[in-house]
Amino acid sequence: MQPNPILVIGATGKTGRRVAARLDAAGQPVRRGSRRAPIPFDWEAPDTWRPALEGARAAYVTYFPDLAFPGAVETLNAFCRTAKEAGLPHLVLLSGRGEHHARLGEEVVRDCGIDFTILRAAWFAQNFSEGYLRAPILDGVLPMPGGTVPEPIIDVDDIADVATEALTEDGHRGTLYELTGPRLMTFEEMADALSQAIGRQIRYIPTSFEEFHHSVAQAGGDFVADVFTDIARETLDGRNARLGDGVMRALGRPPRDFIAFAESAARSGAWSTAA
């Protein structure tokens, strides 16, 4: 057991596993928070929270599947009370941009008496390469609601870099970072960028929210589809059609462009049928 580790909750998820890997590479002691970890963490089992928090000097907190899920804010509130009782000094929360329930979760963290950093992130680029939209991309289509509403989609690697910085360096406590990509893109423009990167046509298909739910459910099940359809209904109305400066403020560099993400993911075989 390493002393004063950094707890990474959701250490097997898109951002959590990247944060844990970066901490490992930097020689930081890491406690991976997952159901199968040596010291397990399970959002649905509150008795696992305190042992995972004991002795941690900071925690990266992601709520699965999303803070928009019913009961998530109440669960986060109970977790924060436990974290304060356990003496956790610093909490870095991953939040969702433009989501009402995510804002409520942020308020819980702000008011819980623990030093905090909030990462309010846009839609993940990696949803196309390792998430619920990968299967449609393999079929040559990108079915999304929202029409021509643009989104400042962000590379998850940028989120992980900001989280790692906030967990290990001074100057980030009490700060909210709005994390977006460097430009606004419609889903049709994203489909064009994916086509160029993959080397075959990816056709954008405007869909209804009901059709979107069906598509996501085929890839990830009704549970995931319910959550992400609710998020899409709430956020794809133009409210997020603006850029944030969080990556530049936290890291002193611009965020990675979606085209760079798509090219890198294609080179790595993300859309290979053998992957």
Protein backbone atom coordinates (compact mmCIF):
# COMPACT_ATOMS: atom_id res chain seq x y z
CA MET A 1 0.00 0.00 0.00
CA GLN A 2 1.44 3.34 -1.05
CA PRO A 3 0.91 6.28 1.31
CA ASN A 4 -1.40 9.17 0.43
CA PRO A 5 -2.54 7.93 -2.97
CA ILE A 6 -4.72 9.77 -5.44
CA LEU A 7 -8.07 8.02 -5.71
CA VAL A 8 -9.38 7.72 -9.28
CA ILE A 9 -13.07 6.84 -9.24
CA GLY A 10 -14.18 5.28 -12.49
CA ALA A 11 -10.65 4.08 -13.20
CA THR A 12 -11.86 1.78 -15.99
CA GLY A 13 -13.85 4.50 -17.78
CA LYS A 14 -12.93 6.78 -20.68
CA THR A 15 -11.37 9.53 -18.58
CA GLY A 16 -10.53 7.59 -15.42
CA ARG A 17 -8.22 5.06 -17.03
CA ARG A 18 -6.37 7.85 -18.81
CA VAL A 19 -5.97 9.84 -15.61
CA ALA A 20 -4.72 6.77 -13.74
CA ALA A 21 -2.21 6.00 -16.50
CA ARG A 22 -0.88 9.56 -16.45
CA LEU A 23 -0.49 9.48 -12.68
CA ASP A 24 1.35 6.16 -12.93
CA ALA A 25 3.66 7.59 -15.57
CA ALA A 26 4.41 10.57 -13.33
CA GLY A 27 5.30 8.29 -10.43
CA GLN A 28 2.26 9.32 -8.39
CA PRO A 29 0.68 6.73 -6.08
CA VAL A 30 -2.72 5.79 -7.51
CA ARG A 31 -5.66 3.99 -5.93
CA ARG A 32 -7.96 2.78 -8.67
CA GLY A 33 -11.59 3.08 -7.68
CA SER A 34 -13.64 0.37 -9.35
CA ARG A 35 -15.75 -2.59 -8.31
CA ARG A 36 -12.95 -5.09 -8.91
CA ALA A 37 -10.10 -3.04 -7.43
CA PRO A 38 -8.14 -4.36 -4.41
CA ILE A 39 -9.96 -1.68 -2.41
CA PRO A 40 -13.25 -1.69 -4.30
CA PHE A 41 -15.41 1.34 -4.99
CA ASP A 42 -19.02 1.04 -6.07
CA TRP A 43 -21.44 3.96 -6.33
CA GLU A 44 -24.26 1.55 -5.49
CA ALA A 45 -22.52 0.27 -2.33
CA PRO A 46 -21.92 3.19 0.08
CA ASP A 47 -20.02 0.93 2.47
CA THR A 48 -17.18 0.83 -0.11
CA TRP A 49 -16.72 4.60 -0.17
CA ARG A 50 -14.96 5.21 3.15
CA PRO A 51 -12.27 2.50 2.74
CA ALA A 52 -11.46 3.80 -0.75
CA LEU A 53 -11.19 7.38 0.55
CA GLU A 54 -9.13 6.66 3.66
CA GLY A 55 -5.68 8.21 3.38
CA ALA A 56 -6.20 9.65 -0.10
CA ARG A 57 -4.74 13.08 -0.69
CA ALA A 58 -7.05 13.83 -3.63
CA ALA A 59 -9.80 12.16 -5.64
CA TYR A 60 -10.86 12.31 -9.27
CA VAL A 61 -14.62 11.78 -9.27
CA THR A 62 -16.71 10.64 -12.21
CA TYR A 63 -20.26 9.46 -11.69
CA PHE A 64 -21.41 6.51 -13.79
CA PRO A 65 -23.23 6.72 -16.07
CA ASP A 66 -23.74 10.47 -15.71
CA LEU A 67 -24.80 13.10 -13.21
CA ALA A 68 -28.02 13.41 -15.22
CA PHE A 69 -29.10 9.94 -14.08
CA PRO A 70 -31.98 9.92 -11.53
CA GLY A 71 -30.64 9.90 -7.98
CA ALA A 72 -27.09 10.82 -8.98
CA VAL A 73 -27.04 14.19 -7.23
CA GLU A 74 -28.33 12.69 -3.99
CA THR A 75 -25.72 9.94 -4.18
CA LEU A 76 -22.97 12.48 -4.84
CA ASN A 77 -24.13 14.49 -1.83
CA ALA A 78 -23.85 11.40 0.40
CA PHE A 79 -20.44 10.62 -1.07
CA CYS A 80 -19.16 14.14 -0.36
CA ARG A 81 -20.27 13.86 3.27
CA THR A 82 -18.32 10.61 3.53
CA ALA A 83 -15.29 12.17 1.84
CA LYS A 84 -15.29 15.06 4.30
CA GLU A 85 -15.57 12.67 7.25
CA ALA A 86 -12.65 10.69 5.81
CA GLY A 87 -10.53 13.86 5.65
CA LEU A 88 -10.21 14.09 1.86
CA PRO A 89 -8.37 17.38 1.12
CA HIS A 90 -9.20 17.87 -2.58
CA LEU A 91 -11.86 16.64 -5.00
CA VAL A 92 -11.74 17.02 -8.80
CA LEU A 93 -15.21 16.53 -10.29
CA LEU A 94 -15.96 15.76 -13.93
CA SER A 95 -19.20 17.50 -14.84
CA GLY A 96 -21.27 17.86 -18.01
CA ARG A 97 -21.65 21.10 -19.92
CA GLY A 98 -25.17 22.46 -20.22
CA GLU A 99 -26.76 19.79 -18.02
CA HIS A 100 -29.12 20.90 -15.25
CA HIS A 101 -28.39 17.94 -12.97
CA ALA A 102 -24.67 18.32 -13.51
CA ARG A 103 -24.93 21.90 -12.25
CA LEU A 104 -26.73 20.61 -9.16
CA GLY A 105 -23.88 18.15 -8.64
CA GLU A 106 -21.37 20.97 -8.94
CA GLU A 107 -23.24 22.89 -6.24
CA VAL A 108 -23.03 19.86 -3.96
CA VAL A 109 -19.26 19.77 -4.39
CA ARG A 110 -18.88 23.53 -3.94
CA ASP A 111 -20.82 23.46 -0.68
CA CYS A 112 -19.45 20.29 0.92
CA GLY A 113 -16.46 21.87 2.68
CA ILE A 114 -13.73 20.15 0.64
CA ASP A 115 -11.35 21.98 -1.68
CA PHE A 116 -12.55 21.33 -5.22
CA THR A 117 -11.81 21.71 -8.90
CA ILE A 118 -14.65 21.31 -11.39
CA LEU A 119 -14.10 20.15 -14.97
CA ARG A 120 -17.22 21.00 -16.99
CA ALA A 121 -16.74 19.12 -20.24
CA ALA A 122 -18.39 19.17 -23.66
CA TRP A 123 -19.36 16.02 -25.60
CA PHE A 124 -16.51 13.50 -25.87
CA ALA A 125 -14.82 12.89 -29.22
CA GLN A 126 -14.09 9.35 -28.03
CA ASN A 127 -17.80 8.54 -28.07
CA PHE A 128 -17.20 7.96 -31.80
CA SER A 129 -14.22 5.63 -31.34
CA GLU A 130 -14.81 3.70 -28.13
CA GLY A 131 -18.33 4.53 -27.07
CA TYR A 132 -21.93 4.09 -28.11
CA LEU A 133 -21.40 5.71 -31.54
CA ARG A 134 -18.60 3.38 -32.64
CA ALA A 135 -20.97 0.73 -33.98
CA PRO A 136 -22.84 3.14 -36.29
CA ILE A 137 -19.51 4.56 -37.51
CA LEU A 138 -18.44 1.03 -38.44
CA ASP A 139 -21.66 0.82 -40.47
CA GLY A 140 -20.77 4.07 -42.25
CA VAL A 141 -23.30 6.34 -40.60
CA LEU A 142 -23.45 8.96 -37.86
CA PRO A 143 -27.04 9.13 -36.59
CA MET A 144 -27.46 12.12 -34.29
CA PRO A 145 -30.21 14.53 -33.31
CA GLY A 146 -29.53 18.23 -33.11
CA GLY A 147 -29.59 19.07 -36.81
CA THR A 148 -27.24 21.95 -37.58
CA VAL A 149 -26.56 22.88 -33.94
CA PRO A 150 -22.75 23.01 -33.54
CA GLU A 151 -20.88 21.41 -30.64
CA PRO A 152 -17.35 22.22 -29.35
CA ILE A 153 -16.54 18.52 -29.00
CA ILE A 154 -13.52 17.74 -26.83
CA ASP A 155 -10.83 15.08 -26.92
CA VAL A 156 -10.91 12.99 -23.74
CA ASP A 157 -7.11 13.09 -23.61
CA ASP A 158 -7.36 16.83 -22.99
CA ILE A 159 -9.76 16.19 -20.10
CA ALA A 160 -7.31 13.67 -18.64
CA ASP A 161 -4.42 16.11 -18.96
CA VAL A 162 -6.36 18.84 -17.14
CA ALA A 163 -7.51 16.42 -14.43
CA THR A 164 -3.97 15.19 -13.85
CA GLU A 165 -2.68 18.74 -13.63
CA ALA A 166 -5.41 19.68 -11.14
CA LEU A 167 -4.74 16.59 -9.01
CA THR A 168 -0.97 17.04 -8.80
CA GLU A 169 -0.14 20.74 -9.10
CA ASP A 170 -0.97 23.84 -7.08
CA GLY A 171 -3.18 26.67 -8.27
CA HIS A 172 -6.31 24.80 -9.35
CA ARG A 173 -8.37 24.64 -6.19
CA GLY A 174 -11.65 26.52 -6.18
CA THR A 175 -11.54 26.69 -9.98
CA LEU A 176 -14.09 25.80 -12.66
CA TYR A 177 -12.69 24.85 -16.05
CA GLU A 178 -15.00 24.85 -19.08
CA LEU A 179 -13.42 22.19 -21.28
CA THR A 180 -14.20 22.28 -25.00
CA GLY A 181 -12.44 21.70 -28.27
CA PRO A 182 -10.92 24.60 -30.22
CA ARG A 183 -13.86 25.14 -32.58
CA LEU A 184 -17.56 24.56 -33.13
CA MET A 185 -18.53 21.73 -35.47
CA THR A 186 -21.86 20.37 -36.65
CA PHE A 187 -22.31 16.61 -36.68
CA GLU A 188 -22.27 16.72 -40.47
CA GLU A 189 -18.83 18.37 -40.31
CA MET A 190 -17.70 15.70 -37.84
CA ALA A 191 -18.90 12.99 -40.22
CA ASP A 192 -16.86 14.61 -43.02
CA ALA A 193 -13.76 14.69 -40.78
CA LEU A 194 -14.27 11.03 -39.86
CA SER A 195 -14.66 10.14 -43.53
CA GLN A 196 -11.33 11.74 -44.36
CA ALA A 197 -9.56 10.08 -41.44
CA ILE A 198 -11.00 6.60 -41.92
CA GLY A 199 -10.80 6.63 -45.70
CA ARG A 200 -14.43 5.77 -46.40
CA GLN A 201 -17.64 7.72 -46.32
CA ILE A 202 -19.34 8.28 -42.99
CA ARG A 203 -22.76 9.74 -43.70
CA TYR A 204 -24.46 12.02 -41.20
CA ILE A 205 -28.10 11.06 -40.66
CA PRO A 206 -30.27 13.63 -38.84
CA THR A 207 -32.47 11.67 -36.44
CA SER A 208 -35.23 12.20 -33.96
CA PHE A 209 -34.48 11.67 -30.30
CA GLU A 210 -36.54 8.48 -30.41
CA GLU A 211 -34.41 7.16 -33.27
CA PHE A 212 -31.27 8.20 -31.41
CA HIS A 213 -32.42 6.24 -28.36
CA HIS A 214 -32.96 3.14 -30.48
CA SER A 215 -29.50 3.46 -32.04
CA VAL A 216 -27.73 3.88 -28.71
CA ALA A 217 -29.73 1.05 -27.14
CA GLN A 218 -28.52 -1.32 -29.84
CA ALA A 219 -24.91 -0.54 -28.94
CA GLY A 220 -25.13 -0.02 -25.18
CA GLY A 221 -28.52 -1.16 -23.94
CA ASP A 222 -31.60 0.73 -22.74
CA PHE A 223 -29.91 1.93 -19.53
CA VAL A 224 -27.22 3.85 -21.41
CA ALA A 225 -29.67 4.94 -24.11
CA ASP A 226 -32.05 6.49 -21.57
CA VAL A 227 -29.28 8.58 -20.02
CA PHE A 228 -27.66 9.81 -23.20
CA THR A 229 -30.94 10.54 -24.93
CA ASP A 230 -31.99 12.72 -22.00
CA ILE A 231 -28.64 14.53 -22.18
CA ALA A 232 -29.02 15.02 -25.93
CA ARG A 233 -32.52 16.43 -25.52
CA GLU A 234 -31.25 18.90 -22.95
CA THR A 235 -27.98 20.01 -24.50
CA LEU A 236 -28.40 19.91 -28.27
CA ASP A 237 -30.47 23.08 -28.37
CA GLY A 238 -27.64 25.56 -28.98
CA ARG A 239 -26.83 26.31 -25.33
CA ASN A 240 -23.35 24.79 -25.73
CA ALA A 241 -22.57 26.43 -29.07
CA ARG A 242 -19.71 28.47 -27.62
CA LEU A 243 -16.10 27.78 -26.80
CA GLY A 244 -14.57 27.45 -23.34
CA ASP A 245 -11.00 28.35 -22.41
CA GLY A 246 -10.45 25.71 -19.72
CA VAL A 247 -7.74 23.70 -21.49
CA MET A 248 -5.69 26.82 -22.23
CA ARG A 249 -6.13 28.16 -18.70
CA ALA A 250 -5.17 24.89 -17.03
CA LEU A 251 -2.39 23.72 -19.35
CA GLY A 252 -1.20 26.80 -21.24
CA ARG A 253 -1.92 25.18 -24.62
CA PRO A 254 -4.93 24.93 -26.91
CA PRO A 255 -7.14 21.84 -26.97
CA ARG A 256 -6.67 19.23 -29.68
CA ASP A 257 -8.77 19.61 -32.81
CA PHE A 258 -11.34 16.96 -33.76
CA ILE A 259 -9.52 16.26 -37.00
CA ALA A 260 -6.35 15.41 -35.08
CA PHE A 261 -8.38 13.10 -32.83
CA ALA A 262 -9.97 11.35 -35.82
CA GLU A 263 -6.66 10.86 -37.61
CA SER A 264 -4.98 9.50 -34.49
CA ALA A 265 -7.87 7.17 -33.69
CA ALA A 266 -7.94 5.87 -37.26
CA ARG A 267 -4.18 5.17 -37.20
CA SER A 268 -4.61 3.24 -33.94
CA GLY A 269 -7.25 1.00 -35.53
CA ALA A 270 -10.21 2.35 -33.57
CA TRP A 271 -12.56 1.67 -36.48
CA SER A 272 -11.04 -1.60 -37.57
CA THR A 273 -13.66 -4.36 -37.56
CA ALA A 274 -11.06 -6.54 -35.86
CA ALA A 275 -10.74 -4.10 -32.92
